[in-house]
Full PDB file with SEQRES, HELIX, SHEET, SSBOND, CRYST1, ORIGX, SCALE, CONECT and MASTER records, all heavy atoms in Angstrom:
SEQRES   1 A   30  GLY ARG THR HIS GLN ILE ARG VAL HIS MET ALA ALA VAL          
SEQRES   2 A   30  ARG HIS PRO CYS VAL GLY ASP PRO LEU TYR GLY ALA ASP          
SEQRES   3 A   30  PRO VAL LEU ALA                                              
HELIX    1 AA1 GLN A    5  ALA A   12  1                                   8    
HELIX    2 AA2 PRO A   21  TYR A   23  5                                   3    
CRYST1    1.000    1.000    1.000  90.00  90.00  90.00 P 1           1          
ORIGX1      1.000000  0.000000  0.000000        0.00000                         
ORIGX2      0.000000  1.000000  0.000000        0.00000                         
ORIGX3      0.000000  0.000000  1.000000        0.00000                         
SCALE1      1.000000  0.000000  0.000000        0.00000                         
SCALE2      0.000000  1.000000  0.000000        0.00000                         
SCALE3      0.000000  0.000000  1.000000        0.00000                         
ATOM      1  N   GLY A   1      -7.155  15.060   2.046  1.00  0.00           N  
ATOM      2  CA  GLY A   1      -5.740  14.919   2.271  1.00  0.00           C  
ATOM      3  C   GLY A   1      -5.421  14.293   3.618  1.00  0.00           C  
ATOM      4  O   GLY A   1      -4.853  14.934   4.509  1.00  0.00           O  
ATOM      5  N   ARG A   2      -5.803  13.045   3.808  1.00  0.00           N  
ATOM      6  CA  ARG A   2      -5.592  12.364   5.080  1.00  0.00           C  
ATOM      7  C   ARG A   2      -4.206  11.707   5.122  1.00  0.00           C  
ATOM      8  O   ARG A   2      -3.621  11.383   4.088  1.00  0.00           O  
ATOM      9  CB  ARG A   2      -6.657  11.278   5.329  1.00  0.00           C  
ATOM     10  CG  ARG A   2      -8.064  11.748   5.124  1.00  0.00           C  
ATOM     11  CD  ARG A   2      -8.422  12.991   5.889  1.00  0.00           C  
ATOM     12  NE  ARG A   2      -9.802  13.377   5.688  1.00  0.00           N  
ATOM     13  CZ  ARG A   2     -10.266  14.601   5.860  1.00  0.00           C  
ATOM     14  NH1 ARG A   2      -9.438  15.561   6.272  1.00  0.00           N  
ATOM     15  NH2 ARG A   2     -11.536  14.879   5.638  1.00  0.00           N  
ATOM     16  N   THR A   3      -3.713  11.469   6.316  1.00  0.00           N  
ATOM     17  CA  THR A   3      -2.429  10.793   6.486  1.00  0.00           C  
ATOM     18  C   THR A   3      -2.467   9.414   5.822  1.00  0.00           C  
ATOM     19  O   THR A   3      -3.372   8.640   6.077  1.00  0.00           O  
ATOM     20  CB  THR A   3      -2.104  10.639   7.991  1.00  0.00           C  
ATOM     21  OG1 THR A   3      -2.068  11.937   8.598  1.00  0.00           O  
ATOM     22  CG2 THR A   3      -0.768   9.955   8.188  1.00  0.00           C  
ATOM     23  N   HIS A   4      -1.475   9.147   4.965  1.00  0.00           N  
ATOM     24  CA  HIS A   4      -1.324   7.853   4.275  1.00  0.00           C  
ATOM     25  C   HIS A   4      -2.541   7.512   3.404  1.00  0.00           C  
ATOM     26  O   HIS A   4      -2.798   6.340   3.105  1.00  0.00           O  
ATOM     27  CB  HIS A   4      -1.128   6.709   5.276  1.00  0.00           C  
ATOM     28  CG  HIS A   4       0.134   6.831   6.092  1.00  0.00           C  
ATOM     29  ND1 HIS A   4       0.503   5.834   6.973  1.00  0.00           N  
ATOM     30  CD2 HIS A   4       1.081   7.770   6.132  1.00  0.00           C  
ATOM     31  CE1 HIS A   4       1.659   6.185   7.540  1.00  0.00           C  
ATOM     32  NE2 HIS A   4       2.007   7.377   7.052  1.00  0.00           N  
ATOM     33  N   GLN A   5      -3.300   8.533   2.943  1.00  0.00           N  
ATOM     34  CA  GLN A   5      -4.592   8.257   2.273  1.00  0.00           C  
ATOM     35  C   GLN A   5      -4.447   7.325   1.091  1.00  0.00           C  
ATOM     36  O   GLN A   5      -5.192   6.347   0.965  1.00  0.00           O  
ATOM     37  CB  GLN A   5      -5.253   9.574   1.824  1.00  0.00           C  
ATOM     38  CG  GLN A   5      -6.580   9.346   1.125  1.00  0.00           C  
ATOM     39  CD  GLN A   5      -7.300  10.640   0.839  1.00  0.00           C  
ATOM     40  OE1 GLN A   5      -7.288  11.531   1.658  1.00  0.00           O  
ATOM     41  NE2 GLN A   5      -7.940  10.738  -0.304  1.00  0.00           N  
ATOM     42  N   ILE A   6      -3.543   7.621   0.156  1.00  0.00           N  
ATOM     43  CA  ILE A   6      -3.402   6.800  -1.034  1.00  0.00           C  
ATOM     44  C   ILE A   6      -2.964   5.393  -0.653  1.00  0.00           C  
ATOM     45  O   ILE A   6      -3.537   4.395  -1.163  1.00  0.00           O  
ATOM     46  CB  ILE A   6      -2.370   7.404  -2.009  1.00  0.00           C  
ATOM     47  CG1 ILE A   6      -2.920   8.740  -2.558  1.00  0.00           C  
ATOM     48  CG2 ILE A   6      -2.061   6.458  -3.169  1.00  0.00           C  
ATOM     49  CD1 ILE A   6      -1.923   9.516  -3.413  1.00  0.00           C  
ATOM     50  N   ARG A   7      -2.049   5.289   0.254  1.00  0.00           N  
ATOM     51  CA  ARG A   7      -1.532   3.958   0.686  1.00  0.00           C  
ATOM     52  C   ARG A   7      -2.651   3.131   1.326  1.00  0.00           C  
ATOM     53  O   ARG A   7      -2.756   1.926   1.047  1.00  0.00           O  
ATOM     54  CB  ARG A   7      -0.361   4.163   1.614  1.00  0.00           C  
ATOM     55  CG  ARG A   7       0.794   4.910   1.009  1.00  0.00           C  
ATOM     56  CD  ARG A   7       1.783   5.445   2.017  1.00  0.00           C  
ATOM     57  NE  ARG A   7       2.464   4.366   2.709  1.00  0.00           N  
ATOM     58  CZ  ARG A   7       3.253   4.521   3.755  1.00  0.00           C  
ATOM     59  NH1 ARG A   7       3.428   5.737   4.260  1.00  0.00           N  
ATOM     60  NH2 ARG A   7       3.865   3.488   4.304  1.00  0.00           N  
ATOM     61  N   VAL A   8      -3.450   3.756   2.152  1.00  0.00           N  
ATOM     62  CA  VAL A   8      -4.542   3.025   2.834  1.00  0.00           C  
ATOM     63  C   VAL A   8      -5.616   2.631   1.837  1.00  0.00           C  
ATOM     64  O   VAL A   8      -6.082   1.475   1.831  1.00  0.00           O  
ATOM     65  CB  VAL A   8      -5.153   3.894   3.964  1.00  0.00           C  
ATOM     66  CG1 VAL A   8      -6.401   3.267   4.535  1.00  0.00           C  
ATOM     67  CG2 VAL A   8      -4.115   4.129   5.066  1.00  0.00           C  
ATOM     68  N   HIS A   9      -6.042   3.528   0.988  1.00  0.00           N  
ATOM     69  CA  HIS A   9      -7.128   3.242   0.077  1.00  0.00           C  
ATOM     70  C   HIS A   9      -6.726   2.207  -0.968  1.00  0.00           C  
ATOM     71  O   HIS A   9      -7.522   1.316  -1.291  1.00  0.00           O  
ATOM     72  CB  HIS A   9      -7.610   4.551  -0.635  1.00  0.00           C  
ATOM     73  CG  HIS A   9      -8.619   5.290   0.156  1.00  0.00           C  
ATOM     74  ND1 HIS A   9      -9.115   6.502  -0.243  1.00  0.00           N  
ATOM     75  CD2 HIS A   9      -9.269   4.986   1.310  1.00  0.00           C  
ATOM     76  CE1 HIS A   9     -10.044   6.926   0.638  1.00  0.00           C  
ATOM     77  NE2 HIS A   9     -10.115   6.024   1.607  1.00  0.00           N  
ATOM     78  N   MET A  10      -5.516   2.275  -1.502  1.00  0.00           N  
ATOM     79  CA  MET A  10      -5.101   1.298  -2.493  1.00  0.00           C  
ATOM     80  C   MET A  10      -4.947  -0.077  -1.844  1.00  0.00           C  
ATOM     81  O   MET A  10      -5.281  -1.103  -2.450  1.00  0.00           O  
ATOM     82  CB  MET A  10      -3.821   1.729  -3.206  1.00  0.00           C  
ATOM     83  CG  MET A  10      -3.946   2.996  -4.031  1.00  0.00           C  
ATOM     84  SD  MET A  10      -5.450   3.109  -5.063  1.00  0.00           S  
ATOM     85  CE  MET A  10      -5.304   1.615  -6.073  1.00  0.00           C  
ATOM     86  N   ALA A  11      -4.460  -0.119  -0.625  1.00  0.00           N  
ATOM     87  CA  ALA A  11      -4.340  -1.408   0.096  1.00  0.00           C  
ATOM     88  C   ALA A  11      -5.717  -1.978   0.357  1.00  0.00           C  
ATOM     89  O   ALA A  11      -5.913  -3.191   0.306  1.00  0.00           O  
ATOM     90  CB  ALA A  11      -3.593  -1.233   1.384  1.00  0.00           C  
ATOM     91  N   ALA A  12      -6.718  -1.089   0.593  1.00  0.00           N  
ATOM     92  CA  ALA A  12      -8.074  -1.576   0.887  1.00  0.00           C  
ATOM     93  C   ALA A  12      -8.714  -2.263  -0.272  1.00  0.00           C  
ATOM     94  O   ALA A  12      -9.563  -3.147  -0.099  1.00  0.00           O  
ATOM     95  CB  ALA A  12      -8.936  -0.397   1.360  1.00  0.00           C  
ATOM     96  N   VAL A  13      -8.329  -1.868  -1.510  1.00  0.00           N  
ATOM     97  CA  VAL A  13      -8.882  -2.540  -2.710  1.00  0.00           C  
ATOM     98  C   VAL A  13      -7.933  -3.607  -3.226  1.00  0.00           C  
ATOM     99  O   VAL A  13      -8.014  -4.044  -4.365  1.00  0.00           O  
ATOM    100  CB  VAL A  13      -9.243  -1.506  -3.806  1.00  0.00           C  
ATOM    101  CG1 VAL A  13     -10.348  -0.599  -3.329  1.00  0.00           C  
ATOM    102  CG2 VAL A  13      -8.007  -0.682  -4.206  1.00  0.00           C  
ATOM    103  N   ARG A  14      -6.973  -3.977  -2.364  1.00  0.00           N  
ATOM    104  CA  ARG A  14      -6.016  -5.085  -2.620  1.00  0.00           C  
ATOM    105  C   ARG A  14      -5.028  -4.766  -3.737  1.00  0.00           C  
ATOM    106  O   ARG A  14      -4.578  -5.653  -4.471  1.00  0.00           O  
ATOM    107  CB  ARG A  14      -6.775  -6.378  -2.897  1.00  0.00           C  
ATOM    108  CG  ARG A  14      -7.660  -6.788  -1.733  1.00  0.00           C  
ATOM    109  CD  ARG A  14      -8.331  -8.123  -1.954  1.00  0.00           C  
ATOM    110  NE  ARG A  14      -9.143  -8.510  -0.818  1.00  0.00           N  
ATOM    111  CZ  ARG A  14      -9.863  -9.633  -0.736  1.00  0.00           C  
ATOM    112  NH1 ARG A  14      -9.841 -10.476  -1.771  1.00  0.00           N  
ATOM    113  NH2 ARG A  14     -10.602  -9.870   0.307  1.00  0.00           N  
ATOM    114  N   HIS A  15      -4.690  -3.495  -3.854  1.00  0.00           N  
ATOM    115  CA  HIS A  15      -3.662  -3.062  -4.809  1.00  0.00           C  
ATOM    116  C   HIS A  15      -2.703  -2.090  -4.123  1.00  0.00           C  
ATOM    117  O   HIS A  15      -2.658  -0.897  -4.459  1.00  0.00           O  
ATOM    118  CB  HIS A  15      -4.288  -2.426  -6.036  1.00  0.00           C  
ATOM    119  CG  HIS A  15      -5.160  -3.334  -6.842  1.00  0.00           C  
ATOM    120  ND1 HIS A  15      -4.665  -4.386  -7.584  1.00  0.00           N  
ATOM    121  CD2 HIS A  15      -6.519  -3.371  -6.949  1.00  0.00           C  
ATOM    122  CE1 HIS A  15      -5.700  -5.032  -8.150  1.00  0.00           C  
ATOM    123  NE2 HIS A  15      -6.820  -4.450  -7.786  1.00  0.00           N  
ATOM    124  N   PRO A  16      -1.961  -2.570  -3.114  1.00  0.00           N  
ATOM    125  CA  PRO A  16      -1.068  -1.692  -2.384  1.00  0.00           C  
ATOM    126  C   PRO A  16       0.032  -1.109  -3.268  1.00  0.00           C  
ATOM    127  O   PRO A  16       0.375  -1.697  -4.288  1.00  0.00           O  
ATOM    128  CB  PRO A  16      -0.476  -2.597  -1.297  1.00  0.00           C  
ATOM    129  CG  PRO A  16      -0.529  -3.967  -1.867  1.00  0.00           C  
ATOM    130  CD  PRO A  16      -1.829  -3.985  -2.669  1.00  0.00           C  
ATOM    131  N   CYS A  17       0.550   0.044  -2.880  1.00  0.00           N  
ATOM    132  CA  CYS A  17       1.668   0.628  -3.601  1.00  0.00           C  
ATOM    133  C   CYS A  17       2.841  -0.333  -3.528  1.00  0.00           C  
ATOM    134  O   CYS A  17       3.170  -0.865  -2.468  1.00  0.00           O  
ATOM    135  CB  CYS A  17       2.088   1.973  -2.975  1.00  0.00           C  
ATOM    136  SG  CYS A  17       0.823   3.252  -3.137  1.00  0.00           S  
ATOM    137  N   VAL A  18       3.508  -0.561  -4.660  1.00  0.00           N  
ATOM    138  CA  VAL A  18       4.688  -1.416  -4.695  1.00  0.00           C  
ATOM    139  C   VAL A  18       5.739  -0.827  -3.746  1.00  0.00           C  
ATOM    140  O   VAL A  18       5.953   0.392  -3.713  1.00  0.00           O  
ATOM    141  CB  VAL A  18       5.236  -1.504  -6.146  1.00  0.00           C  
ATOM    142  CG1 VAL A  18       6.532  -2.310  -6.148  1.00  0.00           C  
ATOM    143  CG2 VAL A  18       4.185  -2.157  -7.061  1.00  0.00           C  
ATOM    144  N   GLY A  19       6.358  -1.680  -2.944  1.00  0.00           N  
ATOM    145  CA  GLY A  19       7.382  -1.217  -2.046  1.00  0.00           C  
ATOM    146  C   GLY A  19       6.864  -0.694  -0.724  1.00  0.00           C  
ATOM    147  O   GLY A  19       7.589  -0.027   0.016  1.00  0.00           O  
ATOM    148  N   ASP A  20       5.588  -1.003  -0.371  1.00  0.00           N  
ATOM    149  CA  ASP A  20       4.983  -0.502   0.831  1.00  0.00           C  
ATOM    150  C   ASP A  20       4.539  -1.664   1.747  1.00  0.00           C  
ATOM    151  O   ASP A  20       3.341  -1.933   1.886  1.00  0.00           O  
ATOM    152  CB  ASP A  20       3.768   0.353   0.496  1.00  0.00           C  
ATOM    153  CG  ASP A  20       3.234   1.162   1.656  1.00  0.00           C  
ATOM    154  OD1 ASP A  20       3.870   1.128   2.741  1.00  0.00           O  
ATOM    155  OD2 ASP A  20       2.179   1.827   1.511  1.00  0.00           O  
ATOM    156  N   PRO A  21       5.496  -2.342   2.402  1.00  0.00           N  
ATOM    157  CA  PRO A  21       5.147  -3.521   3.209  1.00  0.00           C  
ATOM    158  C   PRO A  21       4.232  -3.205   4.400  1.00  0.00           C  
ATOM    159  O   PRO A  21       3.489  -4.042   4.876  1.00  0.00           O  
ATOM    160  CB  PRO A  21       6.515  -4.057   3.695  1.00  0.00           C  
ATOM    161  CG  PRO A  21       7.413  -2.877   3.600  1.00  0.00           C  
ATOM    162  CD  PRO A  21       6.941  -2.096   2.428  1.00  0.00           C  
ATOM    163  N   LEU A  22       4.250  -1.943   4.894  1.00  0.00           N  
ATOM    164  CA  LEU A  22       3.392  -1.570   6.008  1.00  0.00           C  
ATOM    165  C   LEU A  22       1.917  -1.784   5.653  1.00  0.00           C  
ATOM    166  O   LEU A  22       1.110  -2.089   6.525  1.00  0.00           O  
ATOM    167  CB  LEU A  22       3.641  -0.095   6.379  1.00  0.00           C  
ATOM    168  CG  LEU A  22       2.833   0.470   7.556  1.00  0.00           C  
ATOM    169  CD1 LEU A  22       3.203  -0.270   8.869  1.00  0.00           C  
ATOM    170  CD2 LEU A  22       3.051   1.950   7.706  1.00  0.00           C  
ATOM    171  N   TYR A  23       1.600  -1.633   4.367  1.00  0.00           N  
ATOM    172  CA  TYR A  23       0.215  -1.789   3.931  1.00  0.00           C  
ATOM    173  C   TYR A  23       0.068  -2.990   3.009  1.00  0.00           C  
ATOM    174  O   TYR A  23      -0.821  -3.004   2.133  1.00  0.00           O  
ATOM    175  CB  TYR A  23      -0.254  -0.508   3.257  1.00  0.00           C  
ATOM    176  CG  TYR A  23      -0.437   0.613   4.271  1.00  0.00           C  
ATOM    177  CD1 TYR A  23       0.497   1.629   4.400  1.00  0.00           C  
ATOM    178  CD2 TYR A  23      -1.523   0.623   5.132  1.00  0.00           C  
ATOM    179  CE1 TYR A  23       0.342   2.626   5.339  1.00  0.00           C  
ATOM    180  CE2 TYR A  23      -1.700   1.616   6.081  1.00  0.00           C  
ATOM    181  CZ  TYR A  23      -0.758   2.630   6.177  1.00  0.00           C  
ATOM    182  OH  TYR A  23      -0.933   3.626   7.149  1.00  0.00           O  
ATOM    183  N   GLY A  24       0.882  -4.012   3.196  1.00  0.00           N  
ATOM    184  CA  GLY A  24       0.630  -5.304   2.546  1.00  0.00           C  
ATOM    185  C   GLY A  24       1.315  -5.554   1.248  1.00  0.00           C  
ATOM    186  O   GLY A  24       1.000  -6.578   0.576  1.00  0.00           O  
ATOM    187  N   ALA A  25       2.258  -4.714   0.821  1.00  0.00           N  
ATOM    188  CA  ALA A  25       2.929  -4.949  -0.464  1.00  0.00           C  
ATOM    189  C   ALA A  25       3.886  -6.119  -0.356  1.00  0.00           C  
ATOM    190  O   ALA A  25       4.402  -6.459   0.736  1.00  0.00           O  
ATOM    191  CB  ALA A  25       3.662  -3.713  -0.897  1.00  0.00           C  
ATOM    192  N   ASP A  26       4.171  -6.736  -1.475  1.00  0.00           N  
ATOM    193  CA  ASP A  26       5.046  -7.914  -1.556  1.00  0.00           C  
ATOM    194  C   ASP A  26       6.505  -7.477  -1.478  1.00  0.00           C  
ATOM    195  O   ASP A  26       7.002  -6.804  -2.379  1.00  0.00           O  
ATOM    196  CB  ASP A  26       4.793  -8.665  -2.878  1.00  0.00           C  
ATOM    197  CG  ASP A  26       5.669  -9.892  -3.041  1.00  0.00           C  
ATOM    198  OD1 ASP A  26       6.387 -10.232  -2.087  1.00  0.00           O  
ATOM    199  OD2 ASP A  26       5.630 -10.487  -4.131  1.00  0.00           O  
ATOM    200  N   PRO A  27       7.266  -7.844  -0.420  1.00  0.00           N  
ATOM    201  CA  PRO A  27       8.671  -7.402  -0.297  1.00  0.00           C  
ATOM    202  C   PRO A  27       9.553  -8.057  -1.361  1.00  0.00           C  
ATOM    203  O   PRO A  27      10.598  -7.502  -1.709  1.00  0.00           O  
ATOM    204  CB  PRO A  27       9.050  -7.863   1.113  1.00  0.00           C  
ATOM    205  CG  PRO A  27       8.114  -8.956   1.466  1.00  0.00           C  
ATOM    206  CD  PRO A  27       6.820  -8.614   0.773  1.00  0.00           C  
ATOM    207  N   VAL A  28       9.166  -9.220  -1.879  1.00  0.00           N  
ATOM    208  CA  VAL A  28       9.951  -9.882  -2.904  1.00  0.00           C  
ATOM    209  C   VAL A  28       9.929  -9.058  -4.192  1.00  0.00           C  
ATOM    210  O   VAL A  28      10.958  -8.849  -4.834  1.00  0.00           O  
ATOM    211  CB  VAL A  28       9.425 -11.299  -3.168  1.00  0.00           C  
ATOM    212  CG1 VAL A  28      10.209 -11.949  -4.327  1.00  0.00           C  
ATOM    213  CG2 VAL A  28       9.575 -12.162  -1.906  1.00  0.00           C  
ATOM    214  N   LEU A  29       8.744  -8.554  -4.561  1.00  0.00           N  
ATOM    215  CA  LEU A  29       8.621  -7.720  -5.762  1.00  0.00           C  
ATOM    216  C   LEU A  29       9.420  -6.433  -5.569  1.00  0.00           C  
ATOM    217  O   LEU A  29      10.134  -5.994  -6.478  1.00  0.00           O  
ATOM    218  CB  LEU A  29       7.162  -7.384  -6.019  1.00  0.00           C  
ATOM    219  CG  LEU A  29       6.894  -6.428  -7.190  1.00  0.00           C  
ATOM    220  CD1 LEU A  29       7.462  -6.959  -8.496  1.00  0.00           C  
ATOM    221  CD2 LEU A  29       5.398  -6.128  -7.308  1.00  0.00           C  
ATOM    222  N   ALA A  30       9.347  -5.813  -4.388  1.00  0.00           N  
ATOM    223  CA  ALA A  30      10.102  -4.587  -4.118  1.00  0.00           C  
ATOM    224  C   ALA A  30      11.596  -4.803  -4.289  1.00  0.00           C  
ATOM    225  O   ALA A  30      12.290  -3.984  -4.890  1.00  0.00           O  
ATOM    226  CB  ALA A  30       9.765  -4.071  -2.752  1.00  0.00           C  
TER     227      ALA A  30                                                      
MASTER        0    0    0    2    0    0    0    6  226    1    0    3          
END                                                                             
């Protein structure tokens, strides 16, 4: 249970959470 764990791990495999620009998500899609 690390801080931002899901957001960091999904961004690391190039599938960031939709709506999460801090970790590389597309703001246009959001």
